[in-house]
N, C-alpha and C. Protein backbone atom coordinates (compact mmCIF):
# COMPACT_ATOMS: atom_id res chain seq x y z
N GLN A 1 -7.29 -16.55 9.49
CA GLN A 1 -7.43 -15.13 9.24
C GLN A 1 -6.14 -14.54 8.68
N VAL A 2 -6.25 -13.38 8.12
CA VAL A 2 -5.11 -12.67 7.54
C VAL A 2 -5.07 -11.27 8.13
N GLN A 3 -3.88 -10.83 8.51
CA GLN A 3 -3.68 -9.48 9.03
C GLN A 3 -2.68 -8.75 8.14
N LEU A 4 -2.95 -7.47 7.95
CA LEU A 4 -2.03 -6.59 7.24
C LEU A 4 -1.57 -5.53 8.21
N MET A 5 -0.26 -5.42 8.38
CA MET A 5 0.30 -4.47 9.35
C MET A 5 1.13 -3.45 8.60
N GLU A 6 0.67 -2.18 8.63
CA GLU A 6 1.37 -1.08 7.97
C GLU A 6 2.31 -0.39 8.94
N SER A 7 3.35 0.21 8.39
CA SER A 7 4.26 1.04 9.18
C SER A 7 4.92 2.05 8.27
N GLY A 8 5.49 3.10 8.87
CA GLY A 8 6.29 4.04 8.12
C GLY A 8 5.67 5.40 7.88
N GLY A 9 4.44 5.60 8.32
CA GLY A 9 3.84 6.92 8.14
C GLY A 9 4.44 7.94 9.08
N GLY A 10 4.03 9.20 8.91
CA GLY A 10 4.53 10.24 9.78
C GLY A 10 4.36 11.61 9.17
N LEU A 11 5.05 12.57 9.77
CA LEU A 11 5.03 13.96 9.33
C LEU A 11 6.30 14.26 8.55
N VAL A 12 6.14 14.86 7.38
CA VAL A 12 7.29 15.18 6.55
C VAL A 12 7.03 16.52 5.88
N GLN A 13 8.11 17.24 5.60
CA GLN A 13 7.99 18.53 4.92
C GLN A 13 7.78 18.33 3.43
N PRO A 14 7.16 19.31 2.77
CA PRO A 14 7.02 19.22 1.31
C PRO A 14 8.37 19.01 0.64
N GLY A 15 8.37 18.10 -0.35
CA GLY A 15 9.61 17.75 -1.02
C GLY A 15 10.34 16.59 -0.37
N GLY A 16 9.90 16.17 0.80
CA GLY A 16 10.55 15.08 1.51
C GLY A 16 10.12 13.71 1.05
N SER A 17 10.62 12.71 1.75
CA SER A 17 10.36 11.32 1.37
C SER A 17 9.93 10.51 2.58
N LEU A 18 9.15 9.47 2.30
CA LEU A 18 8.77 8.48 3.28
C LEU A 18 8.70 7.13 2.61
N ARG A 19 8.86 6.09 3.41
CA ARG A 19 8.71 4.73 2.90
C ARG A 19 7.72 3.97 3.77
N LEU A 20 6.65 3.52 3.17
CA LEU A 20 5.65 2.73 3.87
C LEU A 20 5.92 1.24 3.64
N SER A 21 5.61 0.45 4.65
CA SER A 21 5.71 -1.00 4.56
C SER A 21 4.40 -1.63 5.00
N CYS A 22 4.10 -2.77 4.42
CA CYS A 22 2.91 -3.51 4.82
C CYS A 22 3.23 -4.99 4.74
N ALA A 23 3.14 -5.66 5.88
CA ALA A 23 3.42 -7.09 5.95
C ALA A 23 2.13 -7.85 6.20
N ALA A 24 1.90 -8.85 5.38
CA ALA A 24 0.73 -9.71 5.54
C ALA A 24 1.13 -10.97 6.30
N SER A 25 0.26 -11.38 7.22
CA SER A 25 0.53 -12.58 8.00
C SER A 25 -0.76 -13.35 8.21
N GLY A 26 -0.60 -14.63 8.58
CA GLY A 26 -1.77 -15.46 8.82
C GLY A 26 -1.85 -16.60 7.83
N SER A 27 -3.08 -16.98 7.54
CA SER A 27 -3.32 -18.11 6.64
C SER A 27 -3.21 -17.65 5.19
N ILE A 28 -1.99 -17.79 4.63
CA ILE A 28 -1.72 -17.28 3.28
C ILE A 28 -1.12 -18.38 2.42
N PHE A 29 -1.75 -18.66 1.29
CA PHE A 29 -1.15 -19.54 0.29
C PHE A 29 -0.42 -18.72 -0.76
N SER A 30 -1.07 -17.69 -1.23
CA SER A 30 -0.42 -16.78 -2.18
C SER A 30 -1.17 -15.45 -2.18
N ILE A 31 -0.48 -14.44 -2.65
CA ILE A 31 -1.08 -13.11 -2.78
C ILE A 31 -0.87 -12.64 -4.20
N ASN A 32 -1.94 -12.39 -4.92
CA ASN A 32 -1.79 -11.89 -6.28
C ASN A 32 -1.52 -10.39 -6.26
N LEU A 33 -2.54 -9.65 -5.93
CA LEU A 33 -2.42 -8.19 -6.00
C LEU A 33 -2.24 -7.62 -4.60
N MET A 34 -1.22 -6.77 -4.44
CA MET A 34 -1.03 -6.00 -3.22
C MET A 34 -0.88 -4.54 -3.62
N GLY A 35 -1.32 -3.67 -2.74
CA GLY A 35 -1.19 -2.28 -3.10
C GLY A 35 -1.55 -1.32 -1.99
N TRP A 36 -1.60 -0.06 -2.37
CA TRP A 36 -1.86 1.03 -1.45
C TRP A 36 -2.98 1.92 -1.97
N TYR A 37 -3.82 2.30 -1.04
CA TYR A 37 -4.88 3.27 -1.30
C TYR A 37 -4.74 4.37 -0.25
N ARG A 38 -5.39 5.48 -0.48
CA ARG A 38 -5.34 6.56 0.50
C ARG A 38 -6.68 7.27 0.56
N GLN A 39 -6.91 7.87 1.73
CA GLN A 39 -8.13 8.62 1.94
C GLN A 39 -7.83 9.89 2.69
N ALA A 40 -8.06 11.00 2.03
CA ALA A 40 -7.88 12.31 2.65
C ALA A 40 -9.19 12.73 3.32
N PRO A 41 -9.12 13.63 4.30
CA PRO A 41 -10.34 14.08 4.99
C PRO A 41 -11.37 14.61 4.01
N GLY A 42 -12.59 14.11 4.12
CA GLY A 42 -13.68 14.57 3.28
C GLY A 42 -13.68 14.02 1.86
N LYS A 43 -12.76 13.10 1.58
CA LYS A 43 -12.67 12.55 0.23
C LYS A 43 -12.84 11.03 0.26
N GLN A 44 -13.13 10.49 -0.90
CA GLN A 44 -13.25 9.04 -1.01
C GLN A 44 -11.88 8.38 -1.05
N ARG A 45 -11.84 7.12 -0.65
CA ARG A 45 -10.60 6.36 -0.75
C ARG A 45 -10.25 6.19 -2.23
N GLU A 46 -8.96 6.36 -2.53
CA GLU A 46 -8.52 6.27 -3.91
C GLU A 46 -7.29 5.39 -4.04
N LEU A 47 -7.14 4.80 -5.21
CA LEU A 47 -5.98 3.96 -5.49
C LEU A 47 -4.73 4.84 -5.58
N VAL A 48 -3.65 4.33 -4.99
CA VAL A 48 -2.35 4.98 -5.13
C VAL A 48 -1.47 4.15 -6.08
N ALA A 49 -1.27 2.89 -5.73
CA ALA A 49 -0.44 2.02 -6.56
C ALA A 49 -0.72 0.57 -6.19
N THR A 50 -0.64 -0.30 -7.19
CA THR A 50 -0.77 -1.74 -6.96
C THR A 50 0.31 -2.49 -7.73
N MET A 51 0.54 -3.72 -7.27
CA MET A 51 1.56 -4.54 -7.91
C MET A 51 1.14 -6.00 -7.84
N THR A 52 1.21 -6.70 -8.97
CA THR A 52 0.90 -8.12 -8.97
C THR A 52 2.11 -8.92 -8.49
N SER A 53 1.88 -10.17 -8.21
CA SER A 53 2.98 -11.03 -7.79
C SER A 53 4.02 -11.19 -8.89
N GLY A 54 3.60 -10.96 -10.12
CA GLY A 54 4.52 -11.05 -11.25
C GLY A 54 5.29 -9.77 -11.54
N GLY A 55 4.93 -8.71 -10.81
CA GLY A 55 5.68 -7.47 -10.94
C GLY A 55 5.01 -6.38 -11.77
N SER A 56 3.82 -6.62 -12.26
CA SER A 56 3.12 -5.57 -13.01
C SER A 56 2.61 -4.51 -12.04
N THR A 57 2.76 -3.26 -12.42
CA THR A 57 2.38 -2.16 -11.54
C THR A 57 1.32 -1.27 -12.18
N ASN A 58 0.61 -0.57 -11.30
CA ASN A 58 -0.38 0.40 -11.72
C ASN A 58 -0.31 1.56 -10.74
N TYR A 59 -0.23 2.79 -11.26
CA TYR A 59 -0.11 3.97 -10.42
C TYR A 59 -1.22 4.97 -10.75
N ALA A 60 -1.64 5.68 -9.74
CA ALA A 60 -2.51 6.83 -9.98
C ALA A 60 -1.70 7.90 -10.71
N ASP A 61 -2.35 8.63 -11.59
CA ASP A 61 -1.64 9.66 -12.35
C ASP A 61 -0.99 10.68 -11.43
N SER A 62 -1.61 10.96 -10.31
CA SER A 62 -1.12 11.99 -9.41
C SER A 62 0.19 11.63 -8.72
N VAL A 63 0.57 10.35 -8.74
CA VAL A 63 1.79 9.94 -8.05
C VAL A 63 2.85 9.38 -9.00
N LYS A 64 2.53 9.26 -10.26
CA LYS A 64 3.49 8.71 -11.22
C LYS A 64 4.75 9.55 -11.25
N GLY A 65 5.89 8.86 -11.21
CA GLY A 65 7.16 9.55 -11.23
C GLY A 65 7.65 9.99 -9.87
N ARG A 66 6.78 9.91 -8.86
CA ARG A 66 7.18 10.32 -7.50
C ARG A 66 7.14 9.14 -6.52
N PHE A 67 6.20 8.22 -6.71
CA PHE A 67 6.04 7.08 -5.82
C PHE A 67 6.49 5.81 -6.55
N THR A 68 7.05 4.89 -5.78
CA THR A 68 7.47 3.60 -6.33
C THR A 68 6.98 2.48 -5.43
N ILE A 69 6.25 1.54 -6.02
CA ILE A 69 5.78 0.38 -5.27
C ILE A 69 6.71 -0.79 -5.54
N SER A 70 6.93 -1.60 -4.51
CA SER A 70 7.74 -2.80 -4.67
C SER A 70 7.23 -3.87 -3.73
N ARG A 71 7.67 -5.11 -3.97
CA ARG A 71 7.20 -6.23 -3.15
C ARG A 71 8.32 -7.20 -2.86
N ASP A 72 8.20 -7.85 -1.72
CA ASP A 72 9.03 -9.00 -1.39
C ASP A 72 8.04 -10.16 -1.22
N ASN A 73 7.90 -10.96 -2.27
CA ASN A 73 6.89 -12.02 -2.24
C ASN A 73 7.18 -13.07 -1.17
N ALA A 74 8.46 -13.31 -0.93
CA ALA A 74 8.83 -14.31 0.08
C ALA A 74 8.40 -13.88 1.48
N LYS A 75 8.34 -12.57 1.69
CA LYS A 75 7.95 -12.02 3.00
C LYS A 75 6.51 -11.53 3.02
N ASN A 76 5.80 -11.70 1.92
CA ASN A 76 4.41 -11.20 1.83
C ASN A 76 4.33 -9.72 2.23
N THR A 77 5.27 -8.95 1.75
CA THR A 77 5.39 -7.54 2.14
C THR A 77 5.39 -6.66 0.90
N VAL A 78 4.70 -5.53 1.02
CA VAL A 78 4.68 -4.54 -0.05
C VAL A 78 5.17 -3.22 0.52
N TYR A 79 5.88 -2.46 -0.30
CA TYR A 79 6.46 -1.18 0.11
C TYR A 79 5.95 -0.08 -0.81
N LEU A 80 5.97 1.13 -0.29
CA LEU A 80 5.67 2.30 -1.10
C LEU A 80 6.69 3.37 -0.75
N LYS A 81 7.59 3.64 -1.69
CA LYS A 81 8.55 4.73 -1.51
C LYS A 81 7.95 5.98 -2.10
N MET A 82 7.82 7.00 -1.27
CA MET A 82 7.19 8.25 -1.68
C MET A 82 8.22 9.37 -1.65
N ASP A 83 8.49 9.93 -2.80
CA ASP A 83 9.44 11.04 -2.94
C ASP A 83 8.70 12.29 -3.40
N SER A 84 9.37 13.42 -3.25
CA SER A 84 8.81 14.71 -3.69
C SER A 84 7.38 14.88 -3.18
N LEU A 85 7.21 14.62 -1.90
CA LEU A 85 5.88 14.67 -1.32
C LEU A 85 5.30 16.08 -1.36
N LYS A 86 3.99 16.14 -1.55
CA LYS A 86 3.27 17.40 -1.63
C LYS A 86 2.21 17.43 -0.53
N PRO A 87 1.77 18.61 -0.12
CA PRO A 87 0.71 18.68 0.88
C PRO A 87 -0.54 17.89 0.48
N GLU A 88 -0.82 17.84 -0.81
CA GLU A 88 -2.01 17.11 -1.26
C GLU A 88 -1.86 15.59 -1.15
N ASP A 89 -0.68 15.11 -0.78
CA ASP A 89 -0.49 13.69 -0.52
C ASP A 89 -0.90 13.32 0.90
N THR A 90 -1.22 14.32 1.70
CA THR A 90 -1.65 14.07 3.08
C THR A 90 -2.92 13.24 3.10
N ALA A 91 -2.86 12.12 3.81
CA ALA A 91 -3.99 11.19 3.85
C ALA A 91 -3.65 10.03 4.77
N VAL A 92 -4.65 9.22 5.05
CA VAL A 92 -4.41 7.92 5.67
C VAL A 92 -4.17 6.93 4.53
N TYR A 93 -3.06 6.24 4.61
CA TYR A 93 -2.69 5.28 3.57
C TYR A 93 -3.02 3.86 4.05
N TYR A 94 -3.74 3.14 3.21
CA TYR A 94 -4.19 1.80 3.54
C TYR A 94 -3.54 0.77 2.62
N CYS A 95 -3.10 -0.31 3.23
CA CYS A 95 -2.59 -1.44 2.48
C CYS A 95 -3.76 -2.35 2.10
N ASN A 96 -3.67 -2.94 0.93
CA ASN A 96 -4.71 -3.84 0.45
C ASN A 96 -4.06 -5.06 -0.18
N ALA A 97 -4.66 -6.23 0.05
CA ALA A 97 -4.11 -7.45 -0.52
C ALA A 97 -5.23 -8.41 -0.91
N ASP A 98 -5.04 -9.05 -2.04
CA ASP A 98 -5.96 -10.09 -2.51
C ASP A 98 -5.30 -11.43 -2.21
N VAL A 99 -5.78 -12.10 -1.16
CA VAL A 99 -5.09 -13.26 -0.59
C VAL A 99 -5.82 -14.56 -0.92
N ARG A 100 -5.06 -15.49 -1.47
CA ARG A 100 -5.57 -16.85 -1.63
C ARG A 100 -5.12 -17.63 -0.42
N ARG A 101 -6.05 -18.15 0.37
CA ARG A 101 -5.72 -18.66 1.69
C ARG A 101 -5.29 -20.12 1.71
N ALA A 102 -5.57 -20.85 0.64
CA ALA A 102 -5.16 -22.26 0.59
C ALA A 102 -5.12 -22.71 -0.86
N ALA A 103 -4.40 -23.79 -1.11
CA ALA A 103 -4.24 -24.27 -2.47
C ALA A 103 -5.57 -24.70 -3.08
N TRP A 104 -6.47 -25.20 -2.23
CA TRP A 104 -7.74 -25.69 -2.74
C TRP A 104 -8.81 -24.60 -2.85
N VAL A 105 -8.43 -23.36 -2.50
CA VAL A 105 -9.35 -22.23 -2.64
C VAL A 105 -9.00 -21.50 -3.93
N PRO A 106 -9.84 -21.55 -4.92
CA PRO A 106 -9.47 -21.02 -6.25
C PRO A 106 -9.60 -19.51 -6.39
N TYR A 107 -10.04 -18.82 -5.34
CA TYR A 107 -10.27 -17.39 -5.46
C TYR A 107 -9.56 -16.67 -4.31
N GLY A 108 -9.39 -15.38 -4.47
CA GLY A 108 -8.76 -14.58 -3.43
C GLY A 108 -9.79 -13.85 -2.58
N THR A 109 -9.40 -13.51 -1.40
CA THR A 109 -10.22 -12.70 -0.48
C THR A 109 -9.50 -11.39 -0.24
N ASN A 110 -10.26 -10.31 -0.27
CA ASN A 110 -9.66 -8.98 -0.15
C ASN A 110 -9.53 -8.57 1.31
N TYR A 111 -8.36 -8.06 1.68
CA TYR A 111 -8.11 -7.61 3.04
C TYR A 111 -7.54 -6.20 3.04
N TRP A 112 -7.84 -5.47 4.13
CA TRP A 112 -7.34 -4.12 4.32
C TRP A 112 -6.55 -4.02 5.62
N GLY A 113 -5.54 -3.17 5.61
CA GLY A 113 -4.86 -2.83 6.84
C GLY A 113 -5.62 -1.73 7.58
N GLN A 114 -5.10 -1.39 8.76
CA GLN A 114 -5.76 -0.37 9.60
C GLN A 114 -5.48 1.04 9.12
N GLY A 115 -4.43 1.22 8.36
CA GLY A 115 -4.09 2.54 7.84
C GLY A 115 -2.97 3.19 8.62
N THR A 116 -2.21 4.01 7.93
CA THR A 116 -1.14 4.78 8.56
C THR A 116 -1.20 6.21 8.04
N GLN A 117 -1.08 7.16 8.95
CA GLN A 117 -1.23 8.58 8.60
C GLN A 117 0.05 9.12 7.97
N VAL A 118 -0.12 9.79 6.85
CA VAL A 118 0.97 10.53 6.22
C VAL A 118 0.54 12.00 6.16
N THR A 119 1.35 12.86 6.76
CA THR A 119 1.06 14.29 6.76
C THR A 119 2.23 15.03 6.15
N VAL A 120 1.95 15.80 5.12
CA VAL A 120 2.98 16.59 4.44
C VAL A 120 2.70 18.06 4.72
N SER A 121 3.56 18.65 5.52
CA SER A 121 3.31 20.02 5.95
C SER A 121 4.62 20.65 6.39
N SER A 122 4.72 21.97 6.18
CA SER A 122 5.89 22.70 6.65
C SER A 122 5.61 23.29 8.02
C-alpha cells in the first residue's frame, strides 16, 4: 500500500504565506506525477498545481505567480509554497500522486492524501 501524509495547513491572514508538504511512503518504485488539489465548501475539487518527476509543472490560473510547487524525488515528497494568500484560497488541500509500485508494473496507481485545511481570514 501507499500512504500520502500532508502537513503544513493552518490559519493565515490575507497576504500571508504557508508551506504544505506531502510525503509518500509504502510500496513505491517511482512516482511520475505529484501535485495538489483543493476543495472549498460547496465546490468541486480542483487542480492547484502538479509536477512531474522531470520537473515539468502545471498551475491553475488562479494561483500562478503566487504558489510554487517543488519536489524532492529522493524523499518522495512534494511541497506547495503559497504566498500572497487570499480568502478565496480557503479550502481543504489534498495531495495526489501517481505511483508505480514495482518495476514490473508498467502503470501507475492514483493515490490521495487525507487533506489539510487552509483558512485565509483576518
